[in-house]
Amino acid sequence: MAAKNTLLQIRKELESHVGEKIKLRANRGRRKSYEKVGVLENTYPSIFVVRVDEENYHQRYSFSYADVLTETVELSLWGGDNKLIALCAGK
């Protein structure tokens, strides 16, 4: 039950930042990690979606809240003075 509450807390925190610019760092296994800057597009009951708009392509990435909990995905938000603020850190 505690894990379910933690996932709900992560979801609520992300819901409050929908539409804001974020930086994500994702580890997808053996030497497959990437960093992207995008916009938190939407949150759903089990996943959230980040839209990345780069020069030559537009892509959407979806992740589960468990990815944040297990630190497979790290999210940072741009605060005042263009400083990065960790989202969902230490949950």
PDB file of N, CA and C in Angstrom:
ATOM      1  N   MET A   1       0.818  -1.197   0.000  1.00  0.00           N
ATOM      2  CA  MET A   1       0.000   0.000   0.000  1.00  0.00           C
ATOM      3  C   MET A   1       0.861   1.258   0.000  1.00  0.00           C
ATOM      4  N   ALA A   2       2.022   1.189   0.658  1.00  0.00           N
ATOM      5  CA  ALA A   2       2.897   2.363   0.706  1.00  0.00           C
ATOM      6  C   ALA A   2       3.402   2.722  -0.687  1.00  0.00           C
ATOM      7  N   ALA A   3       3.716   1.706  -1.499  1.00  0.00           N
ATOM      8  CA  ALA A   3       4.199   1.975  -2.864  1.00  0.00           C
ATOM      9  C   ALA A   3       3.112   2.641  -3.697  1.00  0.00           C
ATOM     10  N   LYS A   4       1.868   2.230  -3.493  1.00  0.00           N
ATOM     11  CA  LYS A   4       0.758   2.821  -4.238  1.00  0.00           C
ATOM     12  C   LYS A   4       0.603   4.295  -3.882  1.00  0.00           C
ATOM     13  N   ASN A   5       0.738   4.619  -2.595  1.00  0.00           N
ATOM     14  CA  ASN A   5       0.659   6.015  -2.168  1.00  0.00           C
ATOM     15  C   ASN A   5       1.813   6.825  -2.738  1.00  0.00           C
ATOM     16  N   THR A   6       2.996   6.236  -2.794  1.00  0.00           N
ATOM     17  CA  THR A   6       4.158   6.929  -3.343  1.00  0.00           C
ATOM     18  C   THR A   6       3.953   7.225  -4.823  1.00  0.00           C
ATOM     19  N   LEU A   7       3.429   6.257  -5.572  1.00  0.00           N
ATOM     20  CA  LEU A   7       3.156   6.484  -6.992  1.00  0.00           C
ATOM     21  C   LEU A   7       2.110   7.576  -7.173  1.00  0.00           C
ATOM     22  N   LEU A   8       1.126   7.613  -6.292  1.00  0.00           N
ATOM     23  CA  LEU A   8       0.100   8.657  -6.355  1.00  0.00           C
ATOM     24  C   LEU A   8       0.706  10.028  -6.070  1.00  0.00           C
ATOM     25  N   GLN A   9       1.627  10.103  -5.125  1.00  0.00           N
ATOM     26  CA  GLN A   9       2.306  11.373  -4.831  1.00  0.00           C
ATOM     27  C   GLN A   9       3.119  11.849  -6.029  1.00  0.00           C
ATOM     28  N   ILE A  10       3.809  10.931  -6.687  1.00  0.00           N
ATOM     29  CA  ILE A  10       4.590  11.288  -7.877  1.00  0.00           C
ATOM     30  C   ILE A  10       3.656  11.816  -8.956  1.00  0.00           C
ATOM     31  N   ARG A  11       2.535  11.136  -9.162  1.00  0.00           N
ATOM     32  CA  ARG A  11       1.580  11.573 -10.186  1.00  0.00           C
ATOM     33  C   ARG A  11       1.049  12.966  -9.880  1.00  0.00           C
ATOM     34  N   LYS A  12       0.673  13.215  -8.631  1.00  0.00           N
ATOM     35  CA  LYS A  12       0.137  14.530  -8.268  1.00  0.00           C
ATOM     36  C   LYS A  12       1.175  15.627  -8.450  1.00  0.00           C
ATOM     37  N   GLU A  13       2.435  15.333  -8.116  1.00  0.00           N
ATOM     38  CA  GLU A  13       3.481  16.333  -8.302  1.00  0.00           C
ATOM     39  C   GLU A  13       3.671  16.643  -9.782  1.00  0.00           C
ATOM     40  N   LEU A  14       3.648  15.614 -10.625  1.00  0.00           N
ATOM     41  CA  LEU A  14       3.799  15.838 -12.058  1.00  0.00           C
ATOM     42  C   LEU A  14       2.593  16.570 -12.644  1.00  0.00           C
ATOM     43  N   GLU A  15       1.389  16.262 -12.153  1.00  0.00           N
ATOM     44  CA  GLU A  15       0.192  16.947 -12.643  1.00  0.00           C
ATOM     45  C   GLU A  15       0.276  18.453 -12.435  1.00  0.00           C
ATOM     46  N   SER A  16       0.929  18.864 -11.367  1.00  0.00           N
ATOM     47  CA  SER A  16       1.023  20.299 -11.091  1.00  0.00           C
ATOM     48  C   SER A  16       2.005  21.009 -12.025  1.00  0.00           C
ATOM     49  N   HIS A  17       2.753  20.250 -12.830  1.00  0.00           N
ATOM     50  CA  HIS A  17       3.738  20.844 -13.740  1.00  0.00           C
ATOM     51  C   HIS A  17       3.432  20.563 -15.210  1.00  0.00           C
ATOM     52  N   VAL A  18       2.209  20.141 -15.526  1.00  0.00           N
ATOM     53  CA  VAL A  18       1.835  19.885 -16.918  1.00  0.00           C
ATOM     54  C   VAL A  18       1.960  21.184 -17.709  1.00  0.00           C
ATOM     55  N   GLY A  19       2.587  21.085 -18.871  1.00  0.00           N
ATOM     56  CA  GLY A  19       2.775  22.250 -19.731  1.00  0.00           C
ATOM     57  C   GLY A  19       4.075  22.993 -19.495  1.00  0.00           C
ATOM     58  N   GLU A  20       4.852  22.562 -18.515  1.00  0.00           N
ATOM     59  CA  GLU A  20       6.107  23.242 -18.201  1.00  0.00           C
ATOM     60  C   GLU A  20       7.289  22.526 -18.851  1.00  0.00           C
ATOM     61  N   LYS A  21       8.350  23.293 -19.071  1.00  0.00           N
ATOM     62  CA  LYS A  21       9.570  22.774 -19.699  1.00  0.00           C
ATOM     63  C   LYS A  21      10.354  21.963 -18.673  1.00  0.00           C
ATOM     64  N   ILE A  22      10.741  20.743 -19.068  1.00  0.00           N
ATOM     65  CA  ILE A  22      11.500  19.874 -18.175  1.00  0.00           C
ATOM     66  C   ILE A  22      12.678  19.256 -18.923  1.00  0.00           C
ATOM     67  N   LYS A  23      13.624  18.786 -18.158  1.00  0.00           N
ATOM     68  CA  LYS A  23      14.751  18.027 -18.698  1.00  0.00           C
ATOM     69  C   LYS A  23      14.609  16.613 -18.164  1.00  0.00           C
ATOM     70  N   LEU A  24      14.724  15.636 -19.035  1.00  0.00           N
ATOM     71  CA  LEU A  24      14.628  14.252 -18.580  1.00  0.00           C
ATOM     72  C   LEU A  24      15.904  13.510 -18.923  1.00  0.00           C
ATOM     73  N   ARG A  25      16.258  12.627 -18.040  1.00  0.00           N
ATOM     74  CA  ARG A  25      17.403  11.737 -18.233  1.00  0.00           C
ATOM     75  C   ARG A  25      16.859  10.328 -18.038  1.00  0.00           C
ATOM     76  N   ALA A  26      16.935   9.517 -19.094  1.00  0.00           N
ATOM     77  CA  ALA A  26      16.378   8.169 -19.044  1.00  0.00           C
ATOM     78  C   ALA A  26      17.466   7.136 -19.281  1.00  0.00           C
ATOM     79  N   ASN A  27      17.431   6.100 -18.483  1.00  0.00           N
ATOM     80  CA  ASN A  27      18.352   4.978 -18.626  1.00  0.00           C
ATOM     81  C   ASN A  27      17.534   3.801 -19.140  1.00  0.00           C
ATOM     82  N   ARG A  28      17.807   3.390 -20.366  1.00  0.00           N
ATOM     83  CA  ARG A  28      17.029   2.331 -21.000  1.00  0.00           C
ATOM     84  C   ARG A  28      17.779   1.014 -21.119  1.00  0.00           C
ATOM     85  N   GLY A  29      18.726   0.763 -20.238  1.00  0.00           N
ATOM     86  CA  GLY A  29      19.428  -0.514 -20.284  1.00  0.00           C
ATOM     87  C   GLY A  29      20.880  -0.351 -20.663  1.00  0.00           C
ATOM     88  N   ARG A  30      21.444  -1.389 -21.182  1.00  0.00           N
ATOM     89  CA  ARG A  30      22.879  -1.440 -21.494  1.00  0.00           C
ATOM     90  C   ARG A  30      23.304  -0.286 -22.393  1.00  0.00           C
ATOM     91  N   ARG A  31      23.976   0.648 -21.798  1.00  0.00           N
ATOM     92  CA  ARG A  31      24.550   1.793 -22.508  1.00  0.00           C
ATOM     93  C   ARG A  31      23.545   2.533 -23.381  1.00  0.00           C
ATOM     94  N   LYS A  32      22.291   2.471 -23.037  1.00  0.00           N
ATOM     95  CA  LYS A  32      21.254   3.169 -23.786  1.00  0.00           C
ATOM     96  C   LYS A  32      20.604   4.198 -22.874  1.00  0.00           C
ATOM     97  N   SER A  33      21.235   5.315 -22.753  1.00  0.00           N
ATOM     98  CA  SER A  33      20.644   6.382 -21.957  1.00  0.00           C
ATOM     99  C   SER A  33      20.650   7.654 -22.791  1.00  0.00           C
ATOM    100  N   TYR A  34      19.749   8.547 -22.462  1.00  0.00           N
ATOM    101  CA  TYR A  34      19.678   9.796 -23.198  1.00  0.00           C
ATOM    102  C   TYR A  34      19.150  10.904 -22.304  1.00  0.00           C
ATOM    103  N   GLU A  35      19.454  12.127 -22.709  1.00  0.00           N
ATOM    104  CA  GLU A  35      18.954  13.331 -22.051  1.00  0.00           C
ATOM    105  C   GLU A  35      18.214  14.145 -23.088  1.00  0.00           C
ATOM    106  N   LYS A  36      17.034  14.597 -22.746  1.00  0.00           N
ATOM    107  CA  LYS A  36      16.214  15.399 -23.653  1.00  0.00           C
ATOM    108  C   LYS A  36      15.597  16.551 -22.873  1.00  0.00           C
ATOM    109  N   VAL A  37      15.294  17.613 -23.587  1.00  0.00           N
ATOM    110  CA  VAL A  37      14.560  18.741 -23.022  1.00  0.00           C
ATOM    111  C   VAL A  37      13.231  18.793 -23.749  1.00  0.00           C
ATOM    112  N   GLY A  38      12.151  18.861 -22.989  1.00  0.00           N
ATOM    113  CA  GLY A  38      10.832  18.874 -23.598  1.00  0.00           C
ATOM    114  C   GLY A  38       9.806  19.489 -22.677  1.00  0.00           C
ATOM    115  N   VAL A  39       8.556  19.249 -23.003  1.00  0.00           N
ATOM    116  CA  VAL A  39       7.430  19.779 -22.243  1.00  0.00           C
ATOM    117  C   VAL A  39       6.629  18.606 -21.698  1.00  0.00           C
ATOM    118  N   LEU A  40       6.298  18.668 -20.421  1.00  0.00           N
ATOM    119  CA  LEU A  40       5.434  17.647 -19.830  1.00  0.00           C
ATOM    120  C   LEU A  40       4.043  17.853 -20.417  1.00  0.00           C
ATOM    121  N   GLU A  41       3.654  16.967 -21.320  1.00  0.00           N
ATOM    122  CA  GLU A  41       2.439  17.170 -22.102  1.00  0.00           C
ATOM    123  C   GLU A  41       1.178  16.784 -21.344  1.00  0.00           C
ATOM    124  N   ASN A  42       1.192  15.616 -20.705  1.00  0.00           N
ATOM    125  CA  ASN A  42      -0.016  15.163 -20.018  1.00  0.00           C
ATOM    126  C   ASN A  42       0.324  14.050 -19.040  1.00  0.00           C
ATOM    127  N   THR A  43      -0.574  13.856 -18.080  1.00  0.00           N
ATOM    128  CA  THR A  43      -0.456  12.732 -17.151  1.00  0.00           C
ATOM    129  C   THR A  43      -1.709  11.879 -17.282  1.00  0.00           C
ATOM    130  N   TYR A  44      -1.530  10.596 -17.174  1.00  0.00           N
ATOM    131  CA  TYR A  44      -2.615   9.632 -17.251  1.00  0.00           C
ATOM    132  C   TYR A  44      -2.527   8.742 -16.018  1.00  0.00           C
ATOM    133  N   PRO A  45      -3.512   7.875 -15.783  1.00  0.00           N
ATOM    134  CA  PRO A  45      -3.485   7.059 -14.560  1.00  0.00           C
ATOM    135  C   PRO A  45      -2.211   6.235 -14.361  1.00  0.00           C
ATOM    136  N   SER A  46      -1.593   5.745 -15.425  1.00  0.00           N
ATOM    137  CA  SER A  46      -0.414   4.890 -15.266  1.00  0.00           C
ATOM    138  C   SER A  46       0.857   5.454 -15.878  1.00  0.00           C
ATOM    139  N   ILE A  47       0.731   6.444 -16.761  1.00  0.00           N
ATOM    140  CA  ILE A  47       1.900   6.981 -17.463  1.00  0.00           C
ATOM    141  C   ILE A  47       1.835   8.503 -17.542  1.00  0.00           C
ATOM    142  N   PHE A  48       2.965   9.100 -17.918  1.00  0.00           N
ATOM    143  CA  PHE A  48       2.994  10.516 -18.272  1.00  0.00           C
ATOM    144  C   PHE A  48       3.746  10.651 -19.588  1.00  0.00           C
ATOM    145  N   VAL A  49       3.470  11.740 -20.315  1.00  0.00           N
ATOM    146  CA  VAL A  49       4.010  11.925 -21.658  1.00  0.00           C
ATOM    147  C   VAL A  49       4.816  13.216 -21.709  1.00  0.00           C
ATOM    148  N   VAL A  50       6.013  13.124 -22.297  1.00  0.00           N
ATOM    149  CA  VAL A  50       6.874  14.286 -22.501  1.00  0.00           C
ATOM    150  C   VAL A  50       7.025  14.487 -24.005  1.00  0.00           C
ATOM    151  N   ARG A  51       6.732  15.710 -24.475  1.00  0.00           N
ATOM    152  CA  ARG A  51       6.888  16.039 -25.892  1.00  0.00           C
ATOM    153  C   ARG A  51       8.230  16.733 -26.102  1.00  0.00           C
ATOM    154  N   VAL A  52       9.037  16.199 -27.013  1.00  0.00           N
ATOM    155  CA  VAL A  52      10.350  16.766 -27.327  1.00  0.00           C
ATOM    156  C   VAL A  52      10.289  17.329 -28.739  1.00  0.00           C
ATOM    157  N   ASP A  53      10.553  18.628 -28.870  1.00  0.00           N
ATOM    158  CA  ASP A  53      10.579  19.289 -30.175  1.00  0.00           C
ATOM    159  C   ASP A  53      12.008  19.721 -30.454  1.00  0.00           C
ATOM    160  N   GLU A  54      12.650  19.027 -31.368  1.00  0.00           N
ATOM    161  CA  GLU A  54      13.995  19.395 -31.784  1.00  0.00           C
ATOM    162  C   GLU A  54      13.931  19.853 -33.232  1.00  0.00           C
ATOM    163  N   GLU A  55      15.041  20.334 -33.751  1.00  0.00           N
ATOM    164  CA  GLU A  55      15.053  20.919 -35.091  1.00  0.00           C
ATOM    165  C   GLU A  55      14.431  20.027 -36.153  1.00  0.00           C
ATOM    166  N   ASN A  56      14.856  18.804 -36.227  1.00  0.00           N
ATOM    167  CA  ASN A  56      14.452  17.942 -37.334  1.00  0.00           C
ATOM    168  C   ASN A  56      13.310  16.982 -37.022  1.00  0.00           C
ATOM    169  N   TYR A  57      12.895  16.899 -35.775  1.00  0.00           N
ATOM    170  CA  TYR A  57      11.818  15.969 -35.473  1.00  0.00           C
ATOM    171  C   TYR A  57      11.081  16.372 -34.203  1.00  0.00           C
ATOM    172  N   HIS A  58       9.887  15.842 -34.104  1.00  0.00           N
ATOM    173  CA  HIS A  58       9.055  16.016 -32.917  1.00  0.00           C
ATOM    174  C   HIS A  58       8.717  14.612 -32.434  1.00  0.00           C
ATOM    175  N   GLN A  59       8.902  14.372 -31.169  1.00  0.00           N
ATOM    176  CA  GLN A  59       8.687  13.027 -30.643  1.00  0.00           C
ATOM    177  C   GLN A  59       8.040  13.112 -29.271  1.00  0.00           C
ATOM    178  N   ARG A  60       7.261  12.087 -28.950  1.00  0.00           N
ATOM    179  CA  ARG A  60       6.675  11.968 -27.620  1.00  0.00           C
ATOM    180  C   ARG A  60       7.258  10.725 -26.956  1.00  0.00           C
ATOM    181  N   TYR A  61       7.617  10.893 -25.696  1.00  0.00           N
ATOM    182  CA  TYR A  61       8.131   9.785 -24.896  1.00  0.00           C
ATOM    183  C   TYR A  61       7.152   9.559 -23.752  1.00  0.00           C
ATOM    184  N   SER A  62       6.839   8.305 -23.483  1.00  0.00           N
ATOM    185  CA  SER A  62       5.962   8.000 -22.354  1.00  0.00           C
ATOM    186  C   SER A  62       6.726   7.150 -21.343  1.00  0.00           C
ATOM    187  N   PHE A  63       6.443   7.422 -20.080  1.00  0.00           N
ATOM    188  CA  PHE A  63       7.093   6.719 -18.981  1.00  0.00           C
ATOM    189  C   PHE A  63       6.052   6.423 -17.913  1.00  0.00           C
ATOM    190  N   SER A  64       6.310   5.406 -17.116  1.00  0.00           N
ATOM    191  CA  SER A  64       5.424   5.105 -15.995  1.00  0.00           C
ATOM    192  C   SER A  64       5.934   5.824 -14.749  1.00  0.00           C
ATOM    193  N   TYR A  65       5.063   5.979 -13.779  1.00  0.00           N
ATOM    194  CA  TYR A  65       5.460   6.608 -12.519  1.00  0.00           C
ATOM    195  C   TYR A  65       6.458   5.719 -11.775  1.00  0.00           C
ATOM    196  N   ALA A  66       6.384   4.417 -12.007  1.00  0.00           N
ATOM    197  CA  ALA A  66       7.350   3.491 -11.396  1.00  0.00           C
ATOM    198  C   ALA A  66       8.757   3.747 -11.929  1.00  0.00           C
ATOM    199  N   ASP A  67       8.874   4.216 -13.182  1.00  0.00           N
ATOM    200  CA  ASP A  67      10.193   4.570 -13.724  1.00  0.00           C
ATOM    201  C   ASP A  67      10.824   5.691 -12.913  1.00  0.00           C
ATOM    202  N   VAL A  68      10.017   6.630 -12.468  1.00  0.00           N
ATOM    203  CA  VAL A  68      10.522   7.727 -11.635  1.00  0.00           C
ATOM    204  C   VAL A  68      10.896   7.193 -10.257  1.00  0.00           C
ATOM    205  N   LEU A  69      10.049   6.326  -9.711  1.00  0.00           N
ATOM    206  CA  LEU A  69      10.288   5.758  -8.387  1.00  0.00           C
ATOM    207  C   LEU A  69      11.588   4.954  -8.346  1.00  0.00           C
ATOM    208  N   THR A  70      11.856   4.194  -9.391  1.00  0.00           N
ATOM    209  CA  THR A  70      13.066   3.371  -9.438  1.00  0.00           C
ATOM    210  C   THR A  70      14.267   4.123 -10.005  1.00  0.00           C
ATOM    211  N   GLU A  71      14.076   5.394 -10.292  1.00  0.00           N
ATOM    212  CA  GLU A  71      15.122   6.288 -10.812  1.00  0.00           C
ATOM    213  C   GLU A  71      15.652   5.854 -12.177  1.00  0.00           C
ATOM    214  N   THR A  72      14.834   5.135 -12.943  1.00  0.00           N
ATOM    215  CA  THR A  72      15.156   4.852 -14.335  1.00  0.00           C
ATOM    216  C   THR A  72      15.034   6.135 -15.145  1.00  0.00           C
ATOM    217  N   VAL A  73      14.126   7.010 -14.707  1.00  0.00           N
ATOM    218  CA  VAL A  73      13.926   8.318 -15.327  1.00  0.00           C
ATOM    219  C   VAL A  73      14.111   9.378 -14.256  1.00  0.00           C
ATOM    220  N   GLU A  74      14.928  10.386 -14.554  1.00  0.00           N
ATOM    221  CA  GLU A  74      15.123  11.518 -13.655  1.00  0.00           C
ATOM    222  C   GLU A  74      14.584  12.761 -14.343  1.00  0.00           C
ATOM    223  N   LEU A  75      13.790  13.536 -13.625  1.00  0.00           N
ATOM    224  CA  LEU A  75      13.175  14.736 -14.185  1.00  0.00           C
ATOM    225  C   LEU A  75      13.655  15.968 -13.452  1.00  0.00           C
ATOM    226  N   SER A  76      13.890  17.030 -14.206  1.00  0.00           N
ATOM    227  CA  SER A  76      14.273  18.318 -13.631  1.00  0.00           C
ATOM    228  C   SER A  76      13.423  19.397 -14.276  1.00  0.00           C
ATOM    229  N   LEU A  77      13.070  20.396 -13.497  1.00  0.00           N
ATOM    230  CA  LEU A  77      12.219  21.497 -13.939  1.00  0.00           C
ATOM    231  C   LEU A  77      13.030  22.777 -13.944  1.00  0.00           C
ATOM    232  N   TRP A  78      12.809  23.625 -14.940  1.00  0.00           N
ATOM    233  CA  TRP A  78      13.488  24.916 -14.957  1.00  0.00           C
ATOM    234  C   TRP A  78      12.772  25.850 -13.999  1.00  0.00           C
ATOM    235  N   GLY A  79      13.497  26.341 -13.011  1.00  0.00           N
ATOM    236  CA  GLY A  79      12.955  27.294 -12.058  1.00  0.00           C
ATOM    237  C   GLY A  79      13.372  28.703 -12.436  1.00  0.00           C
ATOM    238  N   GLY A  80      13.257  29.624 -11.492  1.00  0.00           N
ATOM    239  CA  GLY A  80      13.716  30.980 -11.727  1.00  0.00           C
ATOM    240  C   GLY A  80      15.212  30.999 -11.955  1.00  0.00           C
ATOM    241  N   ASP A  81      15.701  31.994 -12.645  1.00  0.00           N
ATOM    242  CA  ASP A  81      17.126  32.153 -12.959  1.00  0.00           C
ATOM    243  C   ASP A  81      17.666  30.994 -13.793  1.00  0.00           C
ATOM    244  N   ASN A  82      16.796  30.304 -14.541  1.00  0.00           N
ATOM    245  CA  ASN A  82      17.198  29.171 -15.391  1.00  0.00           C
ATOM    246  C   ASN A  82      17.966  28.092 -14.639  1.00  0.00           C
ATOM    247  N   LYS A  83      17.624  27.866 -13.386  1.00  0.00           N
ATOM    248  CA  LYS A  83      18.237  26.792 -12.603  1.00  0.00           C
ATOM    249  C   LYS A  83      17.351  25.559 -12.673  1.00  0.00           C
ATOM    250  N   LEU A  84      17.985  24.396 -12.709  1.00  0.00           N
ATOM    251  CA  LEU A  84      17.237  23.146 -12.727  1.00  0.00           C
ATOM    252  C   LEU A  84      16.869  22.739 -11.307  1.00  0.00           C
ATOM    253  N   ILE A  85      15.625  22.325 -11.132  1.00  0.00           N
ATOM    254  CA  ILE A  85      15.124  21.853  -9.844  1.00  0.00           C
ATOM    255  C   ILE A  85      14.687  20.402 -10.040  1.00  0.00           C
ATOM    256  N   ALA A  86      15.189  19.496  -9.228  1.00  0.00           N
ATOM    257  CA  ALA A  86      14.833  18.078  -9.352  1.00  0.00           C
ATOM    258  C   ALA A  86      13.370  17.875  -8.986  1.00  0.00           C
ATOM    259  N   LEU A  87      12.662  17.144  -9.822  1.00  0.00           N
ATOM    260  CA  LEU A  87      11.276  16.778  -9.549  1.00  0.00           C
ATOM    261  C   LEU A  87      11.241  15.375  -8.965  1.00  0.00           C
ATOM    262  N   CYS A  88      10.355  15.143  -8.034  1.00  0.00           N
ATOM    263  CA  CYS A  88      10.127  13.812  -7.469  1.00  0.00           C
ATOM    264  C   CYS A  88      11.402  13.213  -6.898  1.00  0.00           C
ATOM    265  N   ALA A  89      12.294  14.005  -6.407  1.00  0.00           N
ATOM    266  CA  ALA A  89      13.566  13.501  -5.876  1.00  0.00           C
ATOM    267  C   ALA A  89      13.362  12.884  -4.504  1.00  0.00           C
ATOM    268  N   GLY A  90      13.958  11.728  -4.304  1.00  0.00           N
ATOM    269  CA  GLY A  90      13.941  11.087  -3.000  1.00  0.00           C
ATOM    270  C   GLY A  90      12.607  10.546  -2.568  1.00  0.00           C
ATOM    271  N   LYS A  91      11.732  10.187  -3.502  1.00  0.00           N
ATOM    272  CA  LYS A  91      10.412   9.665  -3.138  1.00  0.00           C
ATOM    273  C   LYS A  91      10.511   8.252  -2.654  1.00  0.00           C
TER     274      LYS A  91
END
